[in-house]
Structure formats: C-alpha cells, structure tokens
PDB file of N, CA and C in Angstrom:
ATOM      1  N   MET A   1      92.746  12.650  53.613  1.00  0.00           N
ATOM      2  CA  MET A   1      92.348  13.953  53.136  1.00  0.00           C
ATOM      3  C   MET A   1      93.147  15.019  53.899  1.00  0.00           C
ATOM      4  N   TYR A   2      93.564  16.044  53.146  1.00  0.00           N
ATOM      5  CA  TYR A   2      94.317  17.122  53.771  1.00  0.00           C
ATOM      6  C   TYR A   2      93.407  18.048  54.573  1.00  0.00           C
ATOM      7  N   VAL A   3      93.895  18.408  55.759  1.00  0.00           N
ATOM      8  CA  VAL A   3      93.219  19.385  56.607  1.00  0.00           C
ATOM      9  C   VAL A   3      93.892  20.736  56.401  1.00  0.00           C
ATOM     10  N   CYS A   4      95.194  20.734  56.414  1.00  0.00           N
ATOM     11  CA  CYS A   4      95.980  21.962  56.275  1.00  0.00           C
ATOM     12  C   CYS A   4      96.831  21.860  55.011  1.00  0.00           C
ATOM     13  N   SER A   5      96.429  22.602  53.989  1.00  0.00           N
ATOM     14  CA  SER A   5      97.189  22.555  52.743  1.00  0.00           C
ATOM     15  C   SER A   5      98.481  23.359  52.842  1.00  0.00           C
ATOM     16  N   CYS A   6      98.541  24.322  53.743  1.00  0.00           N
ATOM     17  CA  CYS A   6      99.758  25.123  53.910  1.00  0.00           C
ATOM     18  C   CYS A   6     100.948  24.252  54.331  1.00  0.00           C
ATOM     19  N   PHE A   7     100.691  23.287  55.220  1.00  0.00           N
ATOM     20  CA  PHE A   7     101.769  22.446  55.736  1.00  0.00           C
ATOM     21  C   PHE A   7     101.594  20.963  55.389  1.00  0.00           C
ATOM     22  N   GLY A   8     100.573  20.638  54.586  1.00  0.00           N
ATOM     23  CA  GLY A   8     100.377  19.262  54.146  1.00  0.00           C
ATOM     24  C   GLY A   8      99.988  18.321  55.274  1.00  0.00           C
ATOM     25  N   ILE A   9      99.172  18.791  56.210  1.00  0.00           N
ATOM     26  CA  ILE A   9      98.763  17.974  57.367  1.00  0.00           C
ATOM     27  C   ILE A   9      97.433  17.289  57.044  1.00  0.00           C
ATOM     28  N   THR A  10      97.380  15.994  57.285  1.00  0.00           N
ATOM     29  CA  THR A  10      96.191  15.203  56.980  1.00  0.00           C
ATOM     30  C   THR A  10      95.313  15.000  58.215  1.00  0.00           C
ATOM     31  N   GLU A  11      94.080  14.540  57.966  1.00  0.00           N
ATOM     32  CA  GLU A  11      93.173  14.201  59.073  1.00  0.00           C
ATOM     33  C   GLU A  11      93.814  13.153  59.967  1.00  0.00           C
ATOM     34  N   GLN A  12      94.462  12.178  59.358  1.00  0.00           N
ATOM     35  CA  GLN A  12      95.099  11.111  60.124  1.00  0.00           C
ATOM     36  C   GLN A  12      96.170  11.667  61.067  1.00  0.00           C
ATOM     37  N   GLN A  13      96.928  12.646  60.601  1.00  0.00           N
ATOM     38  CA  GLN A  13      97.958  13.244  61.455  1.00  0.00           C
ATOM     39  C   GLN A  13      97.331  14.021  62.611  1.00  0.00           C
ATOM     40  N   VAL A  14      96.250  14.740  62.340  1.00  0.00           N
ATOM     41  CA  VAL A  14      95.559  15.478  63.406  1.00  0.00           C
ATOM     42  C   VAL A  14      95.027  14.492  64.444  1.00  0.00           C
ATOM     43  N   ARG A  15      94.416  13.409  63.985  1.00  0.00           N
ATOM     44  CA  ARG A  15      93.885  12.394  64.920  1.00  0.00           C
ATOM     45  C   ARG A  15      95.008  11.768  65.744  1.00  0.00           C
ATOM     46  N   LYS A  16      96.163  11.543  65.120  1.00  0.00           N
ATOM     47  CA  LYS A  16      97.309  10.969  65.842  1.00  0.00           C
ATOM     48  C   LYS A  16      97.760  11.908  66.959  1.00  0.00           C
ATOM     49  N   HIS A  17      97.843  13.194  66.657  1.00  0.00           N
ATOM     50  CA  HIS A  17      98.250  14.163  67.684  1.00  0.00           C
ATOM     51  C   HIS A  17      97.197  14.244  68.788  1.00  0.00           C
ATOM     52  N   ALA A  18      95.926  14.124  68.424  1.00  0.00           N
ATOM     53  CA  ALA A  18      94.862  14.130  69.427  1.00  0.00           C
ATOM     54  C   ALA A  18      94.975  12.907  70.331  1.00  0.00           C
ATOM     55  N   GLU A  19      95.285  11.756  69.757  1.00  0.00           N
ATOM     56  CA  GLU A  19      95.465  10.537  70.555  1.00  0.00           C
ATOM     57  C   GLU A  19      96.650  10.672  71.510  1.00  0.00           C
ATOM     58  N   GLN A  20      97.612  11.488  71.116  1.00  0.00           N
ATOM     59  CA  GLN A  20      98.805  11.699  71.940  1.00  0.00           C
ATOM     60  C   GLN A  20      98.604  12.825  72.962  1.00  0.00           C
ATOM     61  N   GLY A  21      97.369  13.394  73.014  1.00  0.00           N
ATOM     62  CA  GLY A  21      97.067  14.356  74.062  1.00  0.00           C
ATOM     63  C   GLY A  21      96.726  15.763  73.632  1.00  0.00           C
ATOM     64  N   ALA A  22      96.849  16.087  72.346  1.00  0.00           N
ATOM     65  CA  ALA A  22      96.487  17.435  71.893  1.00  0.00           C
ATOM     66  C   ALA A  22      94.966  17.549  71.875  1.00  0.00           C
ATOM     67  N   CYS A  23      94.433  18.505  72.635  1.00  0.00           N
ATOM     68  CA  CYS A  23      92.981  18.634  72.795  1.00  0.00           C
ATOM     69  C   CYS A  23      92.399  19.887  72.178  1.00  0.00           C
ATOM     70  N   THR A  24      93.237  20.790  71.731  1.00  0.00           N
ATOM     71  CA  THR A  24      92.761  22.059  71.183  1.00  0.00           C
ATOM     72  C   THR A  24      93.484  22.331  69.869  1.00  0.00           C
ATOM     73  N   PRO A  25      92.900  23.186  69.025  1.00  0.00           N
ATOM     74  CA  PRO A  25      93.609  23.563  67.800  1.00  0.00           C
ATOM     75  C   PRO A  25      94.990  24.161  68.084  1.00  0.00           C
ATOM     76  N   ARG A  26      95.117  24.879  69.180  1.00  0.00           N
ATOM     77  CA  ARG A  26      96.422  25.456  69.532  1.00  0.00           C
ATOM     78  C   ARG A  26      97.442  24.353  69.835  1.00  0.00           C
ATOM     79  N   GLN A  27      97.018  23.305  70.516  1.00  0.00           N
ATOM     80  CA  GLN A  27      97.926  22.195  70.809  1.00  0.00           C
ATOM     81  C   GLN A  27      98.273  21.425  69.542  1.00  0.00           C
ATOM     82  N   ILE A  28      97.308  21.294  68.629  1.00  0.00           N
ATOM     83  CA  ILE A  28      97.589  20.673  67.334  1.00  0.00           C
ATOM     84  C   ILE A  28      98.617  21.521  66.594  1.00  0.00           C
ATOM     85  N   ALA A  29      98.433  22.832  66.621  1.00  0.00           N
ATOM     86  CA  ALA A  29      99.372  23.745  65.956  1.00  0.00           C
ATOM     87  C   ALA A  29     100.779  23.598  66.523  1.00  0.00           C
ATOM     88  N   SER A  30     100.877  23.452  67.826  1.00  0.00           N
ATOM     89  CA  SER A  30     102.191  23.268  68.451  1.00  0.00           C
ATOM     90  C   SER A  30     102.839  21.967  68.012  1.00  0.00           C
ATOM     91  N   ALA A  31     102.013  20.961  67.769  1.00  0.00           N
ATOM     92  CA  ALA A  31     102.533  19.648  67.402  1.00  0.00           C
ATOM     93  C   ALA A  31     102.955  19.573  65.932  1.00  0.00           C
ATOM     94  N   CYS A  32     102.229  20.274  65.035  1.00  0.00           N
ATOM     95  CA  CYS A  32     102.507  20.076  63.609  1.00  0.00           C
ATOM     96  C   CYS A  32     102.373  21.318  62.739  1.00  0.00           C
ATOM     97  N   LYS A  33     102.129  22.473  63.311  1.00  0.00           N
ATOM     98  CA  LYS A  33     102.000  23.757  62.618  1.00  0.00           C
ATOM     99  C   LYS A  33     100.659  23.963  61.919  1.00  0.00           C
ATOM    100  N   ALA A  34      99.798  22.962  61.863  1.00  0.00           N
ATOM    101  CA  ALA A  34      98.503  23.126  61.199  1.00  0.00           C
ATOM    102  C   ALA A  34      97.739  24.262  61.852  1.00  0.00           C
ATOM    103  N   GLY A  35      97.212  25.166  61.047  1.00  0.00           N
ATOM    104  CA  GLY A  35      96.441  26.286  61.563  1.00  0.00           C
ATOM    105  C   GLY A  35      97.249  27.522  61.885  1.00  0.00           C
ATOM    106  N   THR A  36      98.550  27.492  61.628  1.00  0.00           N
ATOM    107  CA  THR A  36      99.386  28.642  62.008  1.00  0.00           C
ATOM    108  C   THR A  36      99.711  29.567  60.851  1.00  0.00           C
ATOM    109  N   ASP A  37      99.309  29.210  59.623  1.00  0.00           N
ATOM    110  CA  ASP A  37      99.612  30.082  58.490  1.00  0.00           C
ATOM    111  C   ASP A  37      98.368  30.866  58.093  1.00  0.00           C
ATOM    112  N   CYS A  38      97.553  30.358  57.200  1.00  0.00           N
ATOM    113  CA  CYS A  38      96.381  31.129  56.752  1.00  0.00           C
ATOM    114  C   CYS A  38      95.195  30.986  57.708  1.00  0.00           C
ATOM    115  N   GLY A  39      95.157  29.892  58.497  1.00  0.00           N
ATOM    116  CA  GLY A  39      94.103  29.708  59.493  1.00  0.00           C
ATOM    117  C   GLY A  39      92.809  29.114  58.971  1.00  0.00           C
ATOM    118  N   SER A  40      92.720  28.834  57.675  1.00  0.00           N
ATOM    119  CA  SER A  40      91.464  28.327  57.127  1.00  0.00           C
ATOM    120  C   SER A  40      91.130  26.914  57.599  1.00  0.00           C
ATOM    121  N   CYS A  41      92.078  26.198  58.160  1.00  0.00           N
ATOM    122  CA  CYS A  41      91.836  24.818  58.593  1.00  0.00           C
ATOM    123  C   CYS A  41      91.426  24.710  60.069  1.00  0.00           C
ATOM    124  N   VAL A  42      91.447  25.801  60.794  1.00  0.00           N
ATOM    125  CA  VAL A  42      91.206  25.733  62.238  1.00  0.00           C
ATOM    126  C   VAL A  42      89.828  25.149  62.566  1.00  0.00           C
ATOM    127  N   ARG A  43      88.814  25.554  61.828  1.00  0.00           N
ATOM    128  CA  ARG A  43      87.470  25.009  62.100  1.00  0.00           C
ATOM    129  C   ARG A  43      87.396  23.518  61.810  1.00  0.00           C
ATOM    130  N   ARG A  44      88.084  23.073  60.791  1.00  0.00           N
ATOM    131  CA  ARG A  44      88.114  21.638  60.482  1.00  0.00           C
ATOM    132  C   ARG A  44      88.841  20.889  61.596  1.00  0.00           C
ATOM    133  N   ILE A  45      89.904  21.457  62.097  1.00  0.00           N
ATOM    134  CA  ILE A  45      90.634  20.837  63.213  1.00  0.00           C
ATOM    135  C   ILE A  45      89.723  20.758  64.436  1.00  0.00           C
ATOM    136  N   GLN A  46      88.983  21.830  64.720  1.00  0.00           N
ATOM    137  CA  GLN A  46      88.036  21.814  65.840  1.00  0.00           C
ATOM    138  C   GLN A  46      87.016  20.700  65.663  1.00  0.00           C
ATOM    139  N   ALA A  47      86.505  20.536  64.446  1.00  0.00           N
ATOM    140  CA  ALA A  47      85.520  19.493  64.175  1.00  0.00           C
ATOM    141  C   ALA A  47      86.116  18.101  64.366  1.00  0.00           C
ATOM    142  N   LEU A  48      87.358  17.917  63.951  1.00  0.00           N
ATOM    143  CA  LEU A  48      88.005  16.615  64.122  1.00  0.00           C
ATOM    144  C   LEU A  48      88.248  16.300  65.596  1.00  0.00           C
ATOM    145  N   LEU A  49      88.585  17.318  66.365  1.00  0.00           N
ATOM    146  CA  LEU A  49      88.826  17.098  67.795  1.00  0.00           C
ATOM    147  C   LEU A  49      87.536  16.764  68.518  1.00  0.00           C
ATOM    148  N   GLY A  50      86.437  17.385  68.103  1.00  0.00           N
ATOM    149  CA  GLY A  50      85.146  17.100  68.706  1.00  0.00           C
ATOM    150  C   GLY A  50      85.104  17.445  70.183  1.00  0.00           C
ATOM    151  N   ARG A  51      84.034  17.078  70.817  1.00  0.00           N
ATOM    152  CA  ARG A  51      83.856  17.338  72.250  1.00  0.00           C
ATOM    153  C   ARG A  51      83.899  16.016  72.990  1.00  0.00           C
ATOM    154  N   GLY A  52      84.706  15.943  74.021  1.00  0.00           N
ATOM    155  CA  GLY A  52      84.775  14.735  74.833  1.00  0.00           C
ATOM    156  C   GLY A  52      85.650  13.650  74.250  1.00  0.00           C
ATOM    157  N   ALA A  53      86.306  13.935  73.140  1.00  0.00           N
ATOM    158  CA  ALA A  53      87.145  12.922  72.509  1.00  0.00           C
ATOM    159  C   ALA A  53      88.518  12.820  73.160  1.00  0.00           C
ATOM    160  N   CYS A  54      88.820  13.735  74.044  1.00  0.00           N
ATOM    161  CA  CYS A  54      90.151  13.791  74.632  1.00  0.00           C
ATOM    162  C   CYS A  54      90.079  13.571  76.137  1.00  0.00           C
ATOM    163  N   PRO A  55      90.776  12.561  76.645  1.00  0.00           N
ATOM    164  CA  PRO A  55      90.755  12.320  78.090  1.00  0.00           C
ATOM    165  C   PRO A  55      91.248  13.511  78.894  1.00  0.00           C
ATOM    166  N   ARG A  56      92.243  14.236  78.389  1.00  0.00           N
ATOM    167  CA  ARG A  56      92.748  15.404  79.115  1.00  0.00           C
ATOM    168  C   ARG A  56      91.662  16.453  79.244  1.00  0.00           C
ATOM    169  N   ARG A  57      90.849  16.638  78.186  1.00  0.00           N
ATOM    170  CA  ARG A  57      89.782  17.632  78.232  1.00  0.00           C
ATOM    171  C   ARG A  57      88.773  17.264  79.313  1.00  0.00           C
ATOM    172  N   GLU A  58      88.462  15.980  79.437  1.00  0.00           N
ATOM    173  CA  GLU A  58      87.516  15.553  80.473  1.00  0.00           C
ATOM    174  C   GLU A  58      88.055  15.893  81.856  1.00  0.00           C
ATOM    175  N   LEU A  59      89.347  15.724  82.065  1.00  0.00           N
ATOM    176  CA  LEU A  59      89.948  16.064  83.353  1.00  0.00           C
ATOM    177  C   LEU A  59      89.922  17.563  83.593  1.00  0.00           C
ATOM    178  N   VAL A  60      90.155  18.343  82.548  1.00  0.00           N
ATOM    179  CA  VAL A  60      90.096  19.799  82.682  1.00  0.00           C
ATOM    180  C   VAL A  60      88.684  20.217  83.047  1.00  0.00           C
ATOM    181  N   ASP A  61      87.691  19.628  82.352  1.00  0.00           N
ATOM    182  CA  ASP A  61      86.295  19.959  82.636  1.00  0.00           C
ATOM    183  C   ASP A  61      85.925  19.633  84.077  1.00  0.00           C
ATOM    184  N   GLN A  62      86.584  18.624  84.658  1.00  0.00           N
ATOM    185  CA  GLN A  62      86.309  18.235  86.038  1.00  0.00           C
ATOM    186  C   GLN A  62      87.107  19.081  87.025  1.00  0.00           C
ATOM    187  N   GLY A  63      87.981  19.946  86.508  1.00  0.00           N
ATOM    188  CA  GLY A  63      88.740  20.844  87.371  1.00  0.00           C
ATOM    189  C   GLY A  63      90.029  20.262  87.902  1.00  0.00           C
ATOM    190  N   SER A  64      90.556  19.257  87.253  1.00  0.00           N
ATOM    191  CA  SER A  64      91.793  18.643  87.719  1.00  0.00           C
ATOM    192  C   SER A  64      92.981  19.543  87.416  1.00  0.00           C
ATOM    193  N   ALA A  65      93.683  19.962  88.442  1.00  0.00           N
ATOM    194  CA  ALA A  65      94.854  20.827  88.271  1.00  0.00           C
ATOM    195  C   ALA A  65      96.054  20.051  87.732  1.00  0.00           C
ATOM    196  N   GLU A  66      96.076  18.740  87.952  1.00  0.00           N
ATOM    197  CA  GLU A  66      97.205  17.938  87.501  1.00  0.00           C
ATOM    198  C   GLU A  66      97.388  18.027  85.999  1.00  0.00           C
ATOM    199  N   VAL A  67      96.292  18.099  85.260  1.00  0.00           N
ATOM    200  CA  VAL A  67      96.356  18.160  83.811  1.00  0.00           C
ATOM    201  C   VAL A  67      97.060  19.425  83.358  1.00  0.00           C
ATOM    202  N   LEU A  68      96.833  20.488  84.054  1.00  0.00           N
ATOM    203  CA  LEU A  68      97.417  21.761  83.687  1.00  0.00           C
ATOM    204  C   LEU A  68      98.830  21.922  84.209  1.00  0.00           C
ATOM    205  N   GLY A  69      99.272  21.001  85.034  1.00  0.00           N
ATOM    206  CA  GLY A  69     100.593  21.104  85.616  1.00  0.00           C
ATOM    207  C   GLY A  69     100.689  22.264  86.583  1.00  0.00           C
ATOM    208  N   ALA A  70      99.588  22.574  87.199  1.00  0.00           N
ATOM    209  CA  ALA A  70      99.550  23.734  88.083  1.00  0.00           C
ATOM    210  C   ALA A  70      99.101  23.323  89.473  1.00  0.00           C
ATOM    211  N   GLU A  71      99.474  24.132  90.408  1.00  0.00           N
ATOM    212  CA  GLU A  71      99.028  23.949  91.781  1.00  0.00           C
ATOM    213  C   GLU A  71      97.891  24.938  92.023  1.00  0.00           C
ATOM    214  N   VAL A  72      96.810  24.443  92.584  1.00  0.00           N
ATOM    215  CA  VAL A  72      95.671  25.310  92.859  1.00  0.00           C
ATOM    216  C   VAL A  72      95.878  25.957  94.213  1.00  0.00           C
ATOM    217  N   VAL A  73      95.833  27.284  94.240  1.00  0.00           N
ATOM    218  CA  VAL A  73      96.008  28.029  95.473  1.00  0.00           C
ATOM    219  C   VAL A  73      94.781  28.915  95.644  1.00  0.00           C
ATOM    220  N   ILE A  74      94.114  28.801  96.768  1.00  0.00           N
ATOM    221  CA  ILE A  74      92.957  29.635  97.067  1.00  0.00           C
ATOM    222  C   ILE A  74      93.447  30.840  97.857  1.00  0.00           C
ATOM    223  N   LEU A  75      93.258  32.005  97.281  1.00  0.00           N
ATOM    224  CA  LEU A  75      93.702  33.232  97.934  1.00  0.00           C
ATOM    225  C   LEU A  75      92.533  33.865  98.674  1.00  0.00           C
ATOM    226  N   PRO A  76      92.802  34.511  99.805  1.00  0.00           N
ATOM    227  CA  PRO A  76      91.734  35.198 100.511  1.00  0.00           C
ATOM    228  C   PRO A  76      91.269  36.415  99.703  1.00  0.00           C
ATOM    229  N   ALA A  77      90.030  36.793  99.902  1.00  0.00           N
ATOM    230  CA  ALA A  77      89.501  37.966  99.209  1.00  0.00           C
ATOM    231  C   ALA A  77      90.239  39.215  99.668  1.00  0.00           C
ATOM    232  N   ALA A  78      90.357  40.165  98.773  1.00  0.00           N
ATOM    233  CA  ALA A  78      90.999  41.423  99.117  1.00  0.00           C
ATOM    234  C   ALA A  78      90.125  42.167 100.114  1.00  0.00           C
ATOM    235  N   PRO A  79      90.731  42.986 100.959  1.00  0.00           N
ATOM    236  CA  PRO A  79      89.949  43.745 101.943  1.00  0.00           C
ATOM    237  C   PRO A  79      88.872  44.581 101.245  1.00  0.00           C
ATOM    238  N   GLY A  80      87.685  44.528 101.774  1.00  0.00           N
ATOM    239  CA  GLY A  80      86.579  45.297 101.219  1.00  0.00           C
ATOM    240  C   GLY A  80      85.855  44.606 100.080  1.00  0.00           C
ATOM    241  N   VAL A  81      86.288  43.380  99.702  1.00  0.00           N
ATOM    242  CA  VAL A  81      85.639  42.640  98.616  1.00  0.00           C
ATOM    243  C   VAL A  81      84.921  41.460  99.226  1.00  0.00           C
ATOM    244  N   ARG A  82      83.630  41.352  98.947  1.00  0.00           N
ATOM    245  CA  ARG A  82      82.859  40.234  99.490  1.00  0.00           C
ATOM    246  C   ARG A  82      82.991  39.032  98.569  1.00  0.00           C
ATOM    247  N   ALA A  83      83.078  37.852  99.160  1.00  0.00           N
ATOM    248  CA  ALA A  83      83.158  36.617  98.380  1.00  0.00           C
ATOM    249  C   ALA A  83      81.810  36.331  97.753  1.00  0.00           C
ATOM    250  N   ALA A  84      81.837  35.736  96.581  1.00  0.00           N
ATOM    251  CA  ALA A  84      80.591  35.422  95.856  1.00  0.00           C
ATOM    252  C   ALA A  84      79.881  34.251  96.458  1.00  0.00           C
TER     253      ALA A  84
END
C-alpha cells in the first residue's frame, strides 16, 4: 500500500528505511523524500514508525550521545545563575 502518493513510497519501503535506522519522519524523508511535498503522509509515517520500534530511538531516550554523534560537554552555570 502506498504511503506517499507524491513520490510513490510504499509501507514496505518506509519499514525498510526504519530497519536501516531511520527513526523519525524527517529521517524517512531524507532517505526517500516521503513527506516532503504535500505532507499528507507524515502522520501515516509516524504511525508506521511507532514508539520503541527503533533501536536508535531507545538509545536516544536513554541519553546516549553516541547515537547523535555528539560529545556531551557540561558547561558551568553563568555567573549569577543558580543551577536547578
């Protein structure tokens, strides 16, 4: 079944990109353009991705910086600002 009629993207293609690591509609869009034209398929893409279906998302939820390719740096509070 087609998810994105603008670019002819199927549910199977969205699931394939999700298996390859795409965890958000934006990442799906980067992989295959689905959701970048009229946008009517974005909610369907969100539903297909679901919650917890992506290992990368679980790592992000746990706060793993490796997934984001970033280094976590803790900066001191600015003078006159109390830490929470």
